N, C-alpha and C. Protein backbone atom coordinates (compact mmCIF):
# COMPACT_ATOMS: atom_id res chain seq x y z
N UNK A 1 24.09 -14.09 109.56
CA UNK A 1 23.43 -13.76 108.43
C UNK A 1 22.27 -14.20 108.67
N UNK A 2 22.15 -15.17 109.13
CA UNK A 2 20.70 -16.04 109.52
C UNK A 2 20.24 -15.04 110.51
N UNK A 3 21.19 -14.51 111.47
CA UNK A 3 20.33 -13.72 112.54
C UNK A 3 19.58 -12.39 111.84
N UNK A 4 20.64 -11.99 110.75
CA UNK A 4 20.18 -10.79 110.47
C UNK A 4 18.94 -10.77 109.71
N UNK A 5 18.78 -11.80 108.77
CA UNK A 5 17.64 -12.05 108.21
C UNK A 5 16.62 -12.16 109.25
N UNK A 6 16.48 -13.05 110.29
CA UNK A 6 15.52 -12.94 111.39
C UNK A 6 14.93 -11.80 111.86
N UNK A 7 15.82 -11.06 112.17
CA UNK A 7 15.69 -9.55 112.90
C UNK A 7 14.79 -9.10 111.90
N UNK A 8 15.37 -9.26 110.43
CA UNK A 8 14.47 -8.22 109.04
C UNK A 8 13.35 -8.74 109.45
N UNK A 9 12.82 -10.11 109.08
CA UNK A 9 11.48 -10.64 108.82
C UNK A 9 10.58 -9.95 110.21
N UNK A 10 10.82 -10.06 111.60
CA UNK A 10 10.24 -9.60 112.93
C UNK A 10 10.18 -8.04 112.36
N UNK A 11 11.21 -7.34 112.23
CA UNK A 11 11.12 -5.93 112.11
C UNK A 11 9.98 -5.60 111.07
N UNK A 12 9.96 -6.59 109.77
CA UNK A 12 8.82 -6.28 108.94
C UNK A 12 7.07 -6.98 109.36
N UNK A 13 7.13 -7.90 110.17
CA UNK A 13 6.10 -8.26 110.85
C UNK A 13 5.66 -7.22 111.31
N UNK A 14 6.29 -6.60 112.45
CA UNK A 14 5.86 -5.76 113.31
C UNK A 14 5.08 -4.10 112.66
N UNK A 15 5.78 -4.07 111.56
CA UNK A 15 5.66 -2.87 110.73
C UNK A 15 4.47 -3.14 110.48
N UNK A 16 4.47 -4.53 109.42
CA UNK A 16 3.03 -4.56 108.78
C UNK A 16 2.11 -4.59 109.57
N UNK A 17 2.02 -5.76 110.45
CA UNK A 17 0.66 -6.15 111.15
C UNK A 17 0.51 -5.53 112.34
N UNK A 18 1.71 -4.64 112.97
CA UNK A 18 0.72 -4.12 114.16
C UNK A 18 0.23 -2.63 114.06
N UNK A 19 0.72 -2.26 113.04
CA UNK A 19 0.74 -0.86 112.60
C UNK A 19 -0.93 -0.73 112.16
N UNK A 20 -2.07 -0.43 112.63
CA UNK A 20 -3.30 0.14 112.03
C UNK A 20 -3.35 0.19 111.09
N UNK A 21 -4.17 -0.66 110.54
CA UNK A 21 -4.55 -0.65 108.94
C UNK A 21 -4.99 0.71 108.09
N UNK A 22 -5.85 1.57 109.23
CA UNK A 22 -6.52 2.98 108.86
C UNK A 22 -5.43 3.70 108.87
N UNK A 23 -4.67 3.84 109.72
CA UNK A 23 -3.42 4.73 109.44
C UNK A 23 -2.73 4.31 108.18
N UNK A 24 -2.33 3.26 107.31
CA UNK A 24 -1.84 3.07 106.00
C UNK A 24 -2.75 3.48 105.15
N UNK A 25 -4.04 3.50 105.45
CA UNK A 25 -4.53 3.74 104.05
C UNK A 25 -5.44 4.81 103.82
N UNK A 26 -5.45 5.89 104.98
CA UNK A 26 -5.99 7.12 104.81
C UNK A 26 -5.02 8.35 104.45
N UNK A 27 -5.14 9.25 103.96
CA UNK A 27 -4.22 10.66 104.49
C UNK A 27 -4.68 11.73 104.16
N UNK A 28 -4.33 12.50 105.10
CA UNK A 28 -4.36 14.01 105.62
C UNK A 28 -4.28 14.68 104.37
N UNK A 29 -3.52 14.56 103.13
CA UNK A 29 -3.49 15.55 102.19
C UNK A 29 -4.40 15.22 101.13
N UNK A 30 -5.04 13.87 100.96
CA UNK A 30 -5.39 13.70 99.48
C UNK A 30 -6.51 12.41 99.72
N UNK A 31 -7.12 12.45 99.05
CA UNK A 31 -8.46 10.98 98.72
C UNK A 31 -7.63 10.18 97.61
N UNK A 32 -8.07 8.87 97.69
CA UNK A 32 -7.41 8.24 96.49
C UNK A 32 -8.46 8.06 95.70
N UNK A 33 -8.60 7.77 94.26
CA UNK A 33 -9.20 7.93 93.25
C UNK A 33 -9.37 6.64 92.56
N UNK A 34 -9.58 6.57 91.21
CA UNK A 34 -9.53 5.19 90.44
C UNK A 34 -8.43 5.39 90.14
N UNK A 35 -8.03 4.22 89.34
CA UNK A 35 -6.66 3.45 89.10
C UNK A 35 -6.46 3.75 87.38
N UNK A 36 -5.02 4.01 87.10
CA UNK A 36 -5.33 4.47 85.62
C UNK A 36 -4.21 3.34 85.44
N UNK A 37 -4.26 2.72 84.12
CA UNK A 37 -3.21 1.87 83.16
C UNK A 37 -2.60 2.87 82.00
N UNK A 38 -1.45 3.59 82.16
CA UNK A 38 -0.91 4.14 80.95
C UNK A 38 -0.13 3.54 79.93
N UNK A 39 0.09 3.41 78.64
CA UNK A 39 0.78 2.88 78.06
C UNK A 39 1.56 3.89 76.87
N UNK A 40 2.59 4.15 77.23
CA UNK A 40 3.39 4.94 76.14
C UNK A 40 3.72 4.61 74.89
N UNK A 41 3.30 5.42 73.66
CA UNK A 41 3.53 4.91 72.48
C UNK A 41 4.57 5.77 71.59
N UNK A 42 5.38 5.35 71.22
CA UNK A 42 6.11 6.34 70.03
C UNK A 42 5.61 5.78 68.63
N UNK A 43 5.23 6.28 67.94
CA UNK A 43 4.60 6.34 66.63
C UNK A 43 5.79 6.28 65.80
N UNK A 44 6.30 5.61 64.70
CA UNK A 44 7.01 6.06 63.51
C UNK A 44 6.49 7.24 62.80
N UNK A 45 7.54 8.03 62.16
CA UNK A 45 6.82 9.22 61.23
C UNK A 45 5.97 8.53 60.34
N UNK A 46 4.92 9.49 60.29
CA UNK A 46 3.91 9.58 59.43
C UNK A 46 3.30 8.33 59.11
N UNK A 47 3.05 8.00 60.64
CA UNK A 47 2.22 6.80 60.72
C UNK A 47 1.06 6.94 61.60
N UNK A 48 1.02 8.02 62.23
CA UNK A 48 0.00 7.98 62.93
C UNK A 48 -1.43 7.69 62.71
N UNK A 49 -1.95 8.10 61.69
CA UNK A 49 -3.23 7.97 61.29
C UNK A 49 -3.20 6.52 60.83
N UNK A 50 -2.33 5.81 60.30
CA UNK A 50 -2.50 4.06 60.06
C UNK A 50 -2.88 3.79 61.31
N UNK A 51 -1.76 4.15 62.29
CA UNK A 51 -1.93 3.33 63.78
C UNK A 51 -3.04 3.57 64.66
N UNK A 52 -3.73 4.92 64.46
CA UNK A 52 -5.13 5.46 64.78
C UNK A 52 -5.97 4.61 64.22
N UNK A 53 -6.12 4.50 63.00
CA UNK A 53 -7.30 3.53 62.21
C UNK A 53 -7.01 1.94 62.71
N UNK A 54 -5.92 1.37 62.75
CA UNK A 54 -5.66 0.07 63.59
C UNK A 54 -6.17 0.44 64.82
N UNK A 55 -6.06 1.28 66.24
CA UNK A 55 -6.28 1.20 67.16
C UNK A 55 -8.03 1.14 67.32
N UNK A 56 -8.69 1.88 66.40
CA UNK A 56 -10.25 2.10 66.05
C UNK A 56 -10.63 0.63 66.20
N UNK A 57 -10.04 -0.36 65.12
CA UNK A 57 -10.74 -1.40 65.07
C UNK A 57 -10.48 -2.32 66.08
N UNK A 58 -9.21 -2.23 66.34
CA UNK A 58 -8.77 -3.23 67.89
C UNK A 58 -8.99 -2.63 69.14
N UNK A 59 -8.04 -1.81 69.37
CA UNK A 59 -8.51 -1.28 71.03
C UNK A 59 -9.50 -0.57 71.46
N UNK A 60 -9.98 0.26 70.45
CA UNK A 60 -11.08 1.08 70.89
C UNK A 60 -12.42 0.28 70.81
N UNK A 61 -12.24 -0.83 69.81
CA UNK A 61 -13.31 -1.67 70.02
C UNK A 61 -13.46 -2.66 71.29
N UNK A 62 -12.29 -3.32 72.21
CA UNK A 62 -12.22 -3.74 73.00
C UNK A 62 -12.68 -2.76 74.13
N UNK A 63 -11.95 -1.77 74.33
CA UNK A 63 -12.61 -0.64 75.02
C UNK A 63 -13.80 -0.51 75.60
N UNK A 64 -14.58 -0.38 74.39
CA UNK A 64 -15.84 0.03 74.19
C UNK A 64 -16.57 -1.32 74.95
N UNK A 65 -16.15 -2.39 74.40
CA UNK A 65 -16.79 -3.69 74.94
C UNK A 65 -16.75 -3.97 76.54
N UNK A 66 -15.46 -3.36 76.93
CA UNK A 66 -14.83 -3.49 78.24
C UNK A 66 -16.03 -2.52 79.15
N UNK A 67 -15.84 -1.42 78.93
CA UNK A 67 -16.99 -0.49 79.37
C UNK A 67 -18.25 -0.89 79.49
N UNK A 68 -18.81 -1.50 78.28
CA UNK A 68 -20.04 -1.62 78.39
C UNK A 68 -20.21 -3.12 79.41
N UNK A 69 -19.03 -3.97 79.65
CA UNK A 69 -19.28 -5.05 80.35
C UNK A 69 -18.91 -4.64 81.96
N UNK A 70 -18.51 -3.34 82.20
CA UNK A 70 -18.25 -2.97 83.59
C UNK A 70 -16.96 -3.09 84.31
N UNK A 71 -16.11 -3.98 83.05
CA UNK A 71 -14.78 -4.33 83.75
C UNK A 71 -13.47 -3.42 83.61
N UNK A 72 -14.05 -2.00 82.95
CA UNK A 72 -13.41 -0.80 83.18
C UNK A 72 -14.06 0.36 83.28
N UNK A 73 -13.54 1.48 83.81
CA UNK A 73 -14.41 2.66 84.08
C UNK A 73 -14.75 3.53 82.71
N UNK A 74 -13.33 3.89 81.99
CA UNK A 74 -13.28 4.58 80.71
C UNK A 74 -11.84 4.42 80.44
N UNK A 75 -11.88 5.05 79.12
CA UNK A 75 -10.48 5.05 78.46
C UNK A 75 -10.38 6.19 77.73
N UNK A 76 -8.88 6.85 77.47
CA UNK A 76 -8.76 7.83 76.76
C UNK A 76 -7.46 8.03 75.89
N UNK A 77 -7.20 8.53 74.80
CA UNK A 77 -6.28 8.81 74.46
C UNK A 77 -5.49 10.26 74.15
N UNK A 78 -4.43 10.25 74.59
CA UNK A 78 -3.71 11.55 74.74
C UNK A 78 -2.64 11.58 73.69
N UNK A 79 -2.72 12.53 72.86
CA UNK A 79 -1.83 12.86 71.60
C UNK A 79 -0.79 13.97 71.94
N UNK A 80 0.42 14.03 71.56
CA UNK A 80 1.45 15.43 71.63
C UNK A 80 2.82 14.97 71.18
N UNK A 81 3.12 16.31 70.91
CA UNK A 81 4.63 15.91 70.43
C UNK A 81 5.43 15.34 71.36
N UNK A 82 6.60 14.48 70.73
CA UNK A 82 7.14 14.29 71.81
C UNK A 82 8.37 15.16 72.23
N UNK A 83 8.75 15.21 73.48
CA UNK A 83 9.87 16.32 74.17
C UNK A 83 11.17 15.90 73.35
N UNK A 84 11.53 14.33 73.13
CA UNK A 84 12.93 14.08 72.71
C UNK A 84 12.70 13.25 71.73
N UNK A 85 13.91 12.51 71.16
CA UNK A 85 13.53 11.52 70.02
C UNK A 85 13.43 10.02 70.70
N UNK A 86 13.58 9.96 72.38
CA UNK A 86 13.02 8.72 72.83
C UNK A 86 12.06 8.80 73.60
N UNK A 87 11.32 9.88 73.66
CA UNK A 87 9.97 10.12 74.27
C UNK A 87 9.02 9.55 73.25
N UNK A 88 7.66 9.26 73.97
CA UNK A 88 6.36 8.80 73.61
C UNK A 88 5.93 10.09 72.83
N UNK A 89 4.48 9.79 71.96
CA UNK A 89 4.02 11.02 71.41
C UNK A 89 2.19 10.45 71.68
N UNK A 90 2.20 9.35 71.93
CA UNK A 90 0.55 8.71 72.33
C UNK A 90 0.45 8.29 73.67
N UNK A 91 -0.50 8.45 74.26
CA UNK A 91 -0.90 8.27 75.49
C UNK A 91 -2.11 6.99 75.71
N UNK A 92 -1.92 5.80 75.89
CA UNK A 92 -3.00 5.13 75.92
C UNK A 92 -3.31 5.00 77.56
N UNK A 93 -4.93 5.37 77.50
CA UNK A 93 -5.27 5.32 78.95
C UNK A 93 -6.61 4.44 79.52
N UNK A 94 -6.30 3.58 80.71
CA UNK A 94 -7.23 2.77 81.03
C UNK A 94 -7.59 2.80 82.23
N UNK A 95 -8.66 3.74 82.77
CA UNK A 95 -9.48 4.17 84.06
C UNK A 95 -10.39 2.69 84.91
N UNK A 96 -9.83 2.13 85.94
CA UNK A 96 -10.84 0.97 86.34
C UNK A 96 -10.75 1.64 87.71
N UNK A 97 -12.03 1.10 88.50
CA UNK A 97 -12.44 1.55 89.56
C UNK A 97 -11.41 1.50 90.83
N UNK A 98 -10.92 0.62 90.86
CA UNK A 98 -9.54 0.11 92.15
C UNK A 98 -8.98 -0.80 91.50
N UNK A 99 -7.77 -1.34 92.43
CA UNK A 99 -6.60 -2.10 92.01
C UNK A 99 -7.44 -3.61 92.00
N UNK A 100 -8.51 -3.87 92.44
CA UNK A 100 -8.96 -5.20 92.68
C UNK A 100 -9.42 -5.53 91.33
N UNK A 101 -9.63 -4.24 90.62
CA UNK A 101 -10.49 -4.77 88.92
C UNK A 101 -9.09 -5.28 88.12
N UNK A 102 -8.13 -5.50 88.82
CA UNK A 102 -6.96 -5.79 87.77
C UNK A 102 -6.27 -7.10 88.18
N UNK A 103 -7.23 -7.70 89.19
CA UNK A 103 -6.63 -9.13 89.82
C UNK A 103 -7.19 -9.90 88.52
N UNK A 104 -6.54 -11.20 88.71
CA UNK A 104 -7.04 -12.02 87.42
C UNK A 104 -8.03 -12.97 87.91
N UNK A 105 -8.56 -13.34 87.28
CA UNK A 105 -9.85 -14.43 87.47
C UNK A 105 -10.27 -14.74 86.68
N UNK A 106 -11.19 -15.96 86.76
CA UNK A 106 -11.66 -17.18 85.81
C UNK A 106 -12.66 -15.97 84.97
N UNK A 107 -13.46 -15.29 85.41
CA UNK A 107 -14.84 -14.48 84.91
C UNK A 107 -13.96 -13.62 84.01
N UNK A 108 -13.44 -12.85 84.44
CA UNK A 108 -12.50 -11.66 84.00
C UNK A 108 -11.46 -12.40 82.82
N UNK A 109 -11.21 -13.36 82.72
CA UNK A 109 -10.38 -14.13 82.08
C UNK A 109 -11.46 -14.19 80.46
N UNK A 110 -12.63 -15.10 81.20
CA UNK A 110 -13.77 -15.51 80.15
C UNK A 110 -13.91 -14.48 79.45
N UNK A 111 -14.95 -13.01 80.11
CA UNK A 111 -15.06 -12.22 79.49
C UNK A 111 -13.93 -11.84 78.08
N UNK A 112 -12.76 -11.49 78.66
CA UNK A 112 -11.77 -10.75 77.54
C UNK A 112 -11.71 -11.67 76.56
N UNK A 113 -11.42 -13.16 76.68
CA UNK A 113 -11.77 -14.05 75.39
C UNK A 113 -12.78 -13.73 74.87
N UNK A 114 -13.83 -13.93 75.32
CA UNK A 114 -15.36 -13.35 74.68
C UNK A 114 -15.21 -11.95 73.80
N UNK A 115 -14.41 -11.01 74.55
CA UNK A 115 -14.61 -9.75 73.59
C UNK A 115 -13.57 -10.07 72.17
N UNK A 116 -12.59 -10.47 72.84
CA UNK A 116 -11.21 -10.76 71.83
C UNK A 116 -11.87 -11.91 70.75
N UNK A 117 -12.80 -12.60 70.94
CA UNK A 117 -13.33 -13.17 69.82
C UNK A 117 -13.86 -12.80 68.56
N UNK A 118 -15.10 -11.81 69.53
CA UNK A 118 -15.94 -10.99 68.89
C UNK A 118 -15.35 -9.74 67.87
N UNK A 119 -14.24 -9.41 68.33
CA UNK A 119 -13.41 -8.35 67.26
C UNK A 119 -12.98 -9.04 66.42
N UNK A 120 -12.40 -10.20 66.59
CA UNK A 120 -11.63 -11.13 65.57
C UNK A 120 -12.92 -11.54 64.49
N UNK A 121 -13.43 -12.59 64.94
CA UNK A 121 -14.92 -12.62 64.18
C UNK A 121 -15.36 -11.61 63.28
N UNK A 122 -15.80 -10.01 63.82
CA UNK A 122 -15.71 -8.92 63.14
C UNK A 122 -14.75 -8.58 61.85
N UNK A 123 -13.86 -8.60 62.34
CA UNK A 123 -12.61 -8.29 61.52
C UNK A 123 -12.07 -9.26 60.27
N UNK A 124 -12.15 -10.52 60.99
CA UNK A 124 -11.63 -11.71 60.31
C UNK A 124 -10.05 -11.60 59.81
N UNK A 125 -9.48 -11.99 59.01
CA UNK A 125 -8.20 -11.71 58.55
C UNK A 125 -7.54 -10.06 58.61
N UNK A 126 -8.40 -9.08 58.55
CA UNK A 126 -7.95 -7.74 58.91
C UNK A 126 -7.47 -7.59 60.31
N UNK A 127 -7.77 -8.27 61.16
CA UNK A 127 -7.55 -8.12 62.90
C UNK A 127 -6.15 -8.56 62.72
N UNK A 128 -5.97 -9.72 62.48
CA UNK A 128 -4.46 -10.30 62.62
C UNK A 128 -3.41 -9.37 61.61
N UNK A 129 -3.77 -9.12 60.25
CA UNK A 129 -2.77 -8.24 60.28
C UNK A 129 -2.69 -6.66 60.35
N UNK A 130 -3.83 -6.41 60.87
CA UNK A 130 -3.77 -4.85 61.84
C UNK A 130 -2.89 -5.10 63.27
N UNK A 131 -2.88 -5.86 63.67
CA UNK A 131 -2.17 -6.40 65.00
C UNK A 131 -0.45 -6.47 64.54
N UNK A 132 -0.58 -7.41 63.77
CA UNK A 132 0.84 -7.75 63.42
C UNK A 132 1.45 -6.56 62.64
N UNK A 133 1.01 -5.55 62.05
CA UNK A 133 1.46 -4.55 61.35
C UNK A 133 1.72 -3.44 62.57
N UNK A 134 1.47 -3.53 63.75
CA UNK A 134 1.80 -2.57 64.97
C UNK A 134 3.31 -2.44 64.87
N UNK A 135 3.77 -3.68 64.57
CA UNK A 135 5.39 -3.79 65.31
C UNK A 135 6.01 -2.84 64.45
N UNK A 136 5.57 -2.80 63.23
CA UNK A 136 6.21 -1.76 61.98
C UNK A 136 5.76 -0.43 62.05
N UNK A 137 4.60 0.02 63.17
CA UNK A 137 4.50 1.83 63.18
C UNK A 137 4.29 1.99 64.46
N UNK A 138 4.75 1.14 65.43
CA UNK A 138 4.93 1.59 66.59
C UNK A 138 5.83 0.99 67.53
N UNK A 139 6.08 1.91 68.75
CA UNK A 139 7.39 1.31 69.93
C UNK A 139 6.36 1.60 70.93
N UNK A 140 6.39 0.52 71.79
CA UNK A 140 5.74 0.50 73.09
C UNK A 140 6.91 1.33 73.98
N UNK A 141 6.71 2.09 74.71
CA UNK A 141 8.66 2.60 75.42
C UNK A 141 8.03 2.93 76.41
N UNK A 142 6.70 2.40 77.12
CA UNK A 142 6.82 1.91 78.65
C UNK A 142 4.94 1.55 78.82
N UNK A 143 5.10 1.37 80.18
CA UNK A 143 3.73 1.29 80.86
C UNK A 143 3.65 1.57 82.53
N UNK A 144 3.01 2.25 82.81
CA UNK A 144 2.45 2.50 84.29
C UNK A 144 1.28 2.51 84.61
N UNK A 145 1.26 2.21 85.77
CA UNK A 145 0.26 1.97 86.67
C UNK A 145 0.01 3.09 87.55
N UNK A 146 -1.11 4.25 87.61
CA UNK A 146 -1.27 5.12 88.36
C UNK A 146 -2.42 5.23 89.16
N UNK A 147 -2.63 5.93 90.29
CA UNK A 147 -3.71 6.18 90.95
C UNK A 147 -4.03 7.76 90.89
N UNK A 148 -5.45 8.00 90.95
CA UNK A 148 -5.62 9.61 90.63
C UNK A 148 -5.63 9.77 92.16
N UNK A 149 -5.58 11.01 92.22
CA UNK A 149 -5.69 11.63 93.75
C UNK A 149 -6.23 12.88 93.90
N UNK A 150 -7.18 12.87 94.58
CA UNK A 150 -8.05 14.57 94.99
C UNK A 150 -7.44 15.20 96.05
N UNK A 151 -6.64 16.24 96.11
CA UNK A 151 -6.21 16.88 97.33
C UNK A 151 -7.30 17.52 97.67
N UNK A 152 -6.97 17.21 99.16
CA UNK A 152 -8.23 17.85 100.37
C UNK A 152 -8.08 19.37 100.33
């Protein structure tokens, strides 16, 4: 067992460290683009307008400030009919320049805290009420990180 683990580590070392890094980062079929954080949301019946009004106050306000601070590149919301009863009907999309933009660091965390405090101060109790009401009107069905690619 110990020998198998040692062999696995050696193989992994050779595969990762002796392979030219240029070969790992390039593709003949596509160029790598920006990174998208996707959140899939299932809205309860007849609650879409309420949810979107809440998002305008909280999520959109936050995204606008993050764009202004160059923390994200852009954001979008896609809406559509669910394919089945378990499917989502709203897709929240946040675009970042690269994976490094998601790395936790003190400056980013501090900016995020400042943004949240500004939004909370502007809305007062309405912020807490809006956030707490989300659990009654929607369900997060999934989240995914994807990279945009451009075919050559």
